[in-house]
Amino acid sequence: MSFLRSCISNLLLLSAITNTAAIAEAQPMKNCDGVYEFYGHPSPASDRGSGLRILFYLGERLNILQCFKNSRVATGEPLHEQLNSGRYSQKDEQLLRTTAIQLDLKNPYIANGGI
């Protein structure tokens, strides 16, 4: 019985590590130079469902604005304004900060692609 518990615990831990790596990996967009897309952390259960994740686009100001200039879906806004708005969870805020640093963005802008 303890072997079974150990196996289940290890599977859950491995799953958590894998999900974290998949969430945090920003991929360059194919149609927009200098713009990266990635998913945020799963949301807690709500009336909209559980486990939903926001699609984020992150890049330098000009790249984001150029990429979404004719879009009704997303608009670019300064990252610091979005982080100060309280719109995102603490986990997503930390993810956004870390990703902007990893991408070495000097004037990071964000566009939210929804869930």
N, C-alpha and C. Protein backbone atom coordinates (compact mmCIF):
# COMPACT_ATOMS: atom_id res chain seq x y z
N MET A 1 0.82 -1.18 0.00
CA MET A 1 0.00 0.00 0.00
C MET A 1 0.87 1.26 0.00
N SER A 2 1.96 1.28 0.74
CA SER A 2 2.81 2.46 0.76
C SER A 2 3.52 2.64 -0.58
N PHE A 3 3.80 1.54 -1.28
CA PHE A 3 4.40 1.64 -2.61
C PHE A 3 3.43 2.34 -3.56
N LEU A 4 2.17 2.00 -3.47
CA LEU A 4 1.15 2.61 -4.31
C LEU A 4 1.03 4.11 -4.00
N ARG A 5 1.04 4.47 -2.73
CA ARG A 5 0.98 5.88 -2.34
C ARG A 5 2.20 6.63 -2.88
N SER A 6 3.35 6.00 -2.77
CA SER A 6 4.57 6.61 -3.26
C SER A 6 4.50 6.84 -4.77
N CYS A 7 3.99 5.87 -5.50
CA CYS A 7 3.85 6.02 -6.95
C CYS A 7 2.90 7.15 -7.30
N ILE A 8 1.78 7.22 -6.61
CA ILE A 8 0.79 8.26 -6.88
C ILE A 8 1.37 9.63 -6.54
N SER A 9 2.08 9.74 -5.43
CA SER A 9 2.70 11.01 -5.05
C SER A 9 3.70 11.46 -6.10
N ASN A 10 4.51 10.53 -6.56
CA ASN A 10 5.51 10.87 -7.57
C ASN A 10 4.87 11.30 -8.88
N LEU A 11 3.78 10.65 -9.26
CA LEU A 11 3.08 11.03 -10.48
C LEU A 11 2.49 12.44 -10.36
N LEU A 12 1.92 12.75 -9.21
CA LEU A 12 1.35 14.09 -9.00
C LEU A 12 2.45 15.15 -9.03
N LEU A 13 3.57 14.86 -8.40
CA LEU A 13 4.69 15.80 -8.40
C LEU A 13 5.21 16.01 -9.81
N LEU A 14 5.39 14.94 -10.54
CA LEU A 14 5.88 15.03 -11.91
C LEU A 14 4.90 15.81 -12.78
N SER A 15 3.62 15.60 -12.58
CA SER A 15 2.60 16.31 -13.33
C SER A 15 2.66 17.81 -13.03
N ALA A 16 2.84 18.17 -11.77
CA ALA A 16 2.91 19.58 -11.39
C ALA A 16 4.13 20.24 -12.01
N ILE A 17 5.26 19.56 -12.02
CA ILE A 17 6.47 20.10 -12.61
C ILE A 17 6.29 20.28 -14.11
N THR A 18 5.72 19.31 -14.77
CA THR A 18 5.49 19.38 -16.20
C THR A 18 4.55 20.51 -16.56
N ASN A 19 3.46 20.67 -15.80
CA ASN A 19 2.51 21.75 -16.07
C ASN A 19 3.15 23.11 -15.89
N THR A 20 3.98 23.28 -14.87
CA THR A 20 4.65 24.55 -14.63
C THR A 20 5.57 24.89 -15.78
N ALA A 21 6.32 23.91 -16.27
CA ALA A 21 7.23 24.15 -17.39
C ALA A 21 6.43 24.52 -18.64
N ALA A 22 5.32 23.86 -18.87
CA ALA A 22 4.52 24.14 -20.06
C ALA A 22 3.89 25.52 -19.99
N ILE A 23 3.50 25.96 -18.81
CA ILE A 23 2.87 27.26 -18.64
C ILE A 23 3.87 28.37 -18.92
N ALA A 24 5.07 28.24 -18.40
CA ALA A 24 6.03 29.33 -18.40
C ALA A 24 6.81 29.47 -19.70
N GLU A 25 6.66 28.56 -20.64
CA GLU A 25 7.48 28.61 -21.84
C GLU A 25 6.86 29.52 -22.90
N ALA A 26 7.45 30.68 -23.06
CA ALA A 26 6.97 31.64 -24.06
C ALA A 26 7.48 31.24 -25.43
N GLN A 27 6.57 31.18 -26.39
CA GLN A 27 6.90 30.81 -27.77
C GLN A 27 6.77 32.03 -28.68
N PRO A 28 7.73 32.24 -29.58
CA PRO A 28 7.57 33.37 -30.51
C PRO A 28 6.39 33.14 -31.44
N MET A 29 5.65 34.20 -31.70
CA MET A 29 4.53 34.11 -32.64
C MET A 29 5.07 34.03 -34.05
N LYS A 30 4.42 33.28 -34.89
CA LYS A 30 4.88 33.09 -36.27
C LYS A 30 4.63 34.33 -37.13
N ASN A 31 3.55 35.04 -36.88
CA ASN A 31 3.17 36.17 -37.72
C ASN A 31 3.60 37.53 -37.19
N CYS A 32 4.16 37.57 -35.98
CA CYS A 32 4.51 38.84 -35.36
C CYS A 32 5.92 38.76 -34.78
N ASP A 33 6.85 39.45 -35.41
CA ASP A 33 8.23 39.46 -34.92
C ASP A 33 8.30 40.11 -33.54
N GLY A 34 9.05 39.50 -32.65
CA GLY A 34 9.28 40.06 -31.33
C GLY A 34 8.13 39.93 -30.36
N VAL A 35 7.11 39.16 -30.71
CA VAL A 35 5.96 38.95 -29.83
C VAL A 35 5.93 37.48 -29.44
N TYR A 36 5.75 37.24 -28.14
CA TYR A 36 5.76 35.89 -27.60
C TYR A 36 4.40 35.57 -26.99
N GLU A 37 3.99 34.32 -27.13
CA GLU A 37 2.71 33.91 -26.55
C GLU A 37 2.94 32.78 -25.55
N PHE A 38 2.14 32.79 -24.50
CA PHE A 38 2.21 31.75 -23.48
C PHE A 38 0.94 31.80 -22.65
N TYR A 39 0.68 30.70 -21.96
CA TYR A 39 -0.51 30.61 -21.11
C TYR A 39 -0.15 30.89 -19.66
N GLY A 40 -1.10 31.49 -18.96
CA GLY A 40 -0.96 31.73 -17.53
C GLY A 40 -1.29 30.48 -16.74
N HIS A 41 -1.36 30.65 -15.44
CA HIS A 41 -1.68 29.53 -14.54
C HIS A 41 -3.17 29.21 -14.61
N PRO A 42 -3.52 27.95 -14.36
CA PRO A 42 -4.95 27.60 -14.34
C PRO A 42 -5.70 28.40 -13.28
N SER A 43 -6.89 28.83 -13.63
CA SER A 43 -7.69 29.61 -12.69
C SER A 43 -8.38 28.69 -11.69
N PRO A 44 -8.69 29.23 -10.52
CA PRO A 44 -9.45 28.43 -9.55
C PRO A 44 -10.88 28.22 -10.05
N ALA A 45 -11.56 27.31 -9.44
CA ALA A 45 -12.94 27.01 -9.83
C ALA A 45 -13.81 28.25 -9.68
N SER A 46 -14.65 28.48 -10.68
CA SER A 46 -15.60 29.60 -10.63
C SER A 46 -16.80 29.21 -11.48
N ASP A 47 -17.72 30.14 -11.64
CA ASP A 47 -18.89 29.85 -12.46
C ASP A 47 -18.53 29.68 -13.93
N ARG A 48 -17.34 30.11 -14.34
CA ARG A 48 -16.89 29.95 -15.72
C ARG A 48 -16.17 28.62 -15.92
N GLY A 49 -15.92 27.88 -14.85
CA GLY A 49 -15.21 26.62 -14.95
C GLY A 49 -13.91 26.68 -14.18
N SER A 50 -13.22 25.57 -14.12
CA SER A 50 -11.94 25.55 -13.42
C SER A 50 -10.85 25.16 -14.40
N GLY A 51 -9.65 25.56 -14.09
CA GLY A 51 -8.51 25.20 -14.90
C GLY A 51 -8.36 26.01 -16.17
N LEU A 52 -9.16 27.07 -16.33
CA LEU A 52 -9.03 27.92 -17.51
C LEU A 52 -7.75 28.74 -17.40
N ARG A 53 -7.08 28.95 -18.53
CA ARG A 53 -5.83 29.70 -18.52
C ARG A 53 -5.89 30.84 -19.53
N ILE A 54 -5.37 31.98 -19.13
CA ILE A 54 -5.34 33.16 -19.99
C ILE A 54 -4.19 33.01 -20.98
N LEU A 55 -4.43 33.38 -22.22
CA LEU A 55 -3.38 33.42 -23.23
C LEU A 55 -2.79 34.83 -23.23
N PHE A 56 -1.50 34.91 -22.95
CA PHE A 56 -0.81 36.19 -22.90
C PHE A 56 0.07 36.36 -24.13
N TYR A 57 0.18 37.61 -24.59
CA TYR A 57 1.14 37.99 -25.62
C TYR A 57 2.02 39.05 -24.99
N LEU A 58 3.32 38.89 -25.12
CA LEU A 58 4.26 39.80 -24.48
C LEU A 58 5.34 40.18 -25.48
N GLY A 59 5.71 41.45 -25.49
CA GLY A 59 6.76 41.91 -26.39
C GLY A 59 7.06 43.38 -26.15
N GLU A 60 7.97 43.91 -26.95
CA GLU A 60 8.28 45.33 -26.88
C GLU A 60 7.08 46.12 -27.39
N ARG A 61 6.98 47.35 -26.97
CA ARG A 61 5.83 48.21 -27.29
C ARG A 61 5.51 48.21 -28.78
N LEU A 62 6.47 48.56 -29.60
CA LEU A 62 6.21 48.67 -31.04
C LEU A 62 5.79 47.34 -31.65
N ASN A 63 6.39 46.25 -31.21
CA ASN A 63 6.05 44.93 -31.75
C ASN A 63 4.61 44.54 -31.41
N ILE A 64 4.22 44.77 -30.16
CA ILE A 64 2.85 44.43 -29.73
C ILE A 64 1.83 45.31 -30.46
N LEU A 65 2.09 46.62 -30.51
CA LEU A 65 1.15 47.53 -31.16
C LEU A 65 1.02 47.21 -32.65
N GLN A 66 2.13 46.89 -33.30
CA GLN A 66 2.09 46.53 -34.72
C GLN A 66 1.33 45.23 -34.92
N CYS A 67 1.57 44.26 -34.07
CA CYS A 67 0.95 42.94 -34.20
C CYS A 67 -0.58 43.01 -34.05
N PHE A 68 -1.06 43.82 -33.14
CA PHE A 68 -2.49 43.85 -32.83
C PHE A 68 -3.18 45.14 -33.30
N LYS A 69 -2.59 45.87 -34.25
CA LYS A 69 -3.15 47.16 -34.66
C LYS A 69 -4.53 47.04 -35.29
N ASN A 70 -4.83 45.96 -35.96
CA ASN A 70 -6.14 45.79 -36.59
C ASN A 70 -6.99 44.73 -35.89
N SER A 71 -6.65 44.44 -34.66
CA SER A 71 -7.34 43.37 -33.93
C SER A 71 -8.44 43.93 -33.03
N ARG A 72 -9.58 43.25 -33.04
CA ARG A 72 -10.63 43.59 -32.08
C ARG A 72 -10.53 42.68 -30.86
N VAL A 73 -9.70 41.66 -30.96
CA VAL A 73 -9.57 40.67 -29.89
C VAL A 73 -8.66 41.17 -28.78
N ALA A 74 -7.52 41.73 -29.13
CA ALA A 74 -6.54 42.12 -28.12
C ALA A 74 -5.96 43.48 -28.47
N THR A 75 -5.60 44.22 -27.44
CA THR A 75 -4.90 45.49 -27.62
C THR A 75 -3.71 45.50 -26.69
N GLY A 76 -2.66 46.15 -27.10
CA GLY A 76 -1.46 46.20 -26.27
C GLY A 76 -1.53 47.30 -25.24
N GLU A 77 -1.04 46.97 -24.06
CA GLU A 77 -0.99 47.94 -22.97
C GLU A 77 0.31 47.74 -22.22
N PRO A 78 0.83 48.80 -21.57
CA PRO A 78 2.07 48.65 -20.82
C PRO A 78 1.93 47.59 -19.73
N LEU A 79 2.94 46.76 -19.60
CA LEU A 79 2.89 45.67 -18.62
C LEU A 79 2.73 46.21 -17.20
N HIS A 80 3.46 47.27 -16.85
CA HIS A 80 3.39 47.77 -15.48
C HIS A 80 1.98 48.26 -15.13
N GLU A 81 1.25 48.81 -16.10
CA GLU A 81 -0.13 49.23 -15.83
C GLU A 81 -1.03 48.04 -15.56
N GLN A 82 -0.84 46.98 -16.32
CA GLN A 82 -1.65 45.78 -16.13
C GLN A 82 -1.34 45.10 -14.80
N LEU A 83 -0.07 45.10 -14.41
CA LEU A 83 0.29 44.49 -13.13
C LEU A 83 -0.26 45.29 -11.96
N ASN A 84 -0.37 46.60 -12.12
CA ASN A 84 -0.91 47.45 -11.05
C ASN A 84 -2.44 47.46 -11.02
N SER A 85 -3.08 46.91 -12.04
CA SER A 85 -4.54 46.97 -12.11
C SER A 85 -5.23 45.96 -11.20
N GLY A 86 -4.51 44.94 -10.75
CA GLY A 86 -5.12 43.91 -9.91
C GLY A 86 -5.96 42.93 -10.71
N ARG A 87 -5.85 42.96 -12.01
CA ARG A 87 -6.66 42.12 -12.89
C ARG A 87 -6.24 40.65 -12.85
N TYR A 88 -4.97 40.41 -12.63
CA TYR A 88 -4.44 39.05 -12.71
C TYR A 88 -4.10 38.49 -11.33
N SER A 89 -4.06 37.17 -11.24
CA SER A 89 -3.69 36.52 -9.98
C SER A 89 -2.22 36.81 -9.67
N GLN A 90 -1.85 36.61 -8.42
CA GLN A 90 -0.45 36.82 -8.03
C GLN A 90 0.48 35.89 -8.80
N LYS A 91 0.03 34.66 -9.04
CA LYS A 91 0.85 33.71 -9.81
C LYS A 91 1.07 34.21 -11.23
N ASP A 92 0.01 34.71 -11.86
CA ASP A 92 0.15 35.23 -13.22
C ASP A 92 1.00 36.50 -13.24
N GLU A 93 0.85 37.35 -12.25
CA GLU A 93 1.68 38.55 -12.18
C GLU A 93 3.15 38.19 -12.09
N GLN A 94 3.47 37.21 -11.25
CA GLN A 94 4.85 36.78 -11.12
C GLN A 94 5.35 36.16 -12.42
N LEU A 95 4.50 35.38 -13.07
CA LEU A 95 4.85 34.77 -14.35
C LEU A 95 5.14 35.83 -15.40
N LEU A 96 4.31 36.87 -15.45
CA LEU A 96 4.51 37.95 -16.41
C LEU A 96 5.81 38.69 -16.15
N ARG A 97 6.08 39.00 -14.89
CA ARG A 97 7.34 39.69 -14.55
C ARG A 97 8.54 38.84 -14.94
N THR A 98 8.52 37.59 -14.55
CA THR A 98 9.64 36.69 -14.82
C THR A 98 9.86 36.51 -16.32
N THR A 99 8.78 36.34 -17.06
CA THR A 99 8.90 36.16 -18.50
C THR A 99 9.46 37.40 -19.17
N ALA A 100 9.01 38.58 -18.76
CA ALA A 100 9.52 39.83 -19.33
C ALA A 100 11.02 39.97 -19.06
N ILE A 101 11.46 39.57 -17.88
CA ILE A 101 12.89 39.62 -17.55
C ILE A 101 13.66 38.60 -18.38
N GLN A 102 13.14 37.38 -18.49
CA GLN A 102 13.81 36.35 -19.27
C GLN A 102 13.93 36.75 -20.74
N LEU A 103 12.93 37.43 -21.27
CA LEU A 103 12.96 37.86 -22.66
C LEU A 103 13.76 39.15 -22.85
N ASP A 104 14.22 39.74 -21.75
CA ASP A 104 15.02 40.96 -21.75
C ASP A 104 14.29 42.10 -22.46
N LEU A 105 13.03 42.30 -22.10
CA LEU A 105 12.21 43.36 -22.70
C LEU A 105 12.46 44.67 -21.96
N LYS A 106 12.79 45.72 -22.72
CA LYS A 106 13.08 47.02 -22.11
C LYS A 106 11.79 47.80 -21.84
N ASN A 107 10.85 47.73 -22.75
CA ASN A 107 9.57 48.44 -22.62
C ASN A 107 8.45 47.43 -22.88
N PRO A 108 8.23 46.51 -21.91
CA PRO A 108 7.28 45.42 -22.17
C PRO A 108 5.83 45.87 -22.24
N TYR A 109 5.17 45.37 -23.25
CA TYR A 109 3.73 45.57 -23.43
C TYR A 109 3.08 44.19 -23.43
N ILE A 110 1.84 44.16 -23.03
CA ILE A 110 1.11 42.91 -22.96
C ILE A 110 -0.22 43.03 -23.70
N ALA A 111 -0.61 41.94 -24.30
CA ALA A 111 -1.95 41.82 -24.86
C ALA A 111 -2.53 40.54 -24.30
N ASN A 112 -3.80 40.61 -23.93
CA ASN A 112 -4.49 39.47 -23.33
C ASN A 112 -5.36 38.83 -24.41
N GLY A 113 -5.07 37.56 -24.70
CA GLY A 113 -5.83 36.84 -25.72
C GLY A 113 -7.06 36.15 -25.20
N GLY A 114 -7.42 36.38 -23.95
CA GLY A 114 -8.59 35.73 -23.37
C GLY A 114 -8.26 34.33 -22.87
N ILE A 115 -9.32 33.56 -22.60
CA ILE A 115 -9.13 32.21 -22.07
C ILE A 115 -9.51 31.18 -23.10
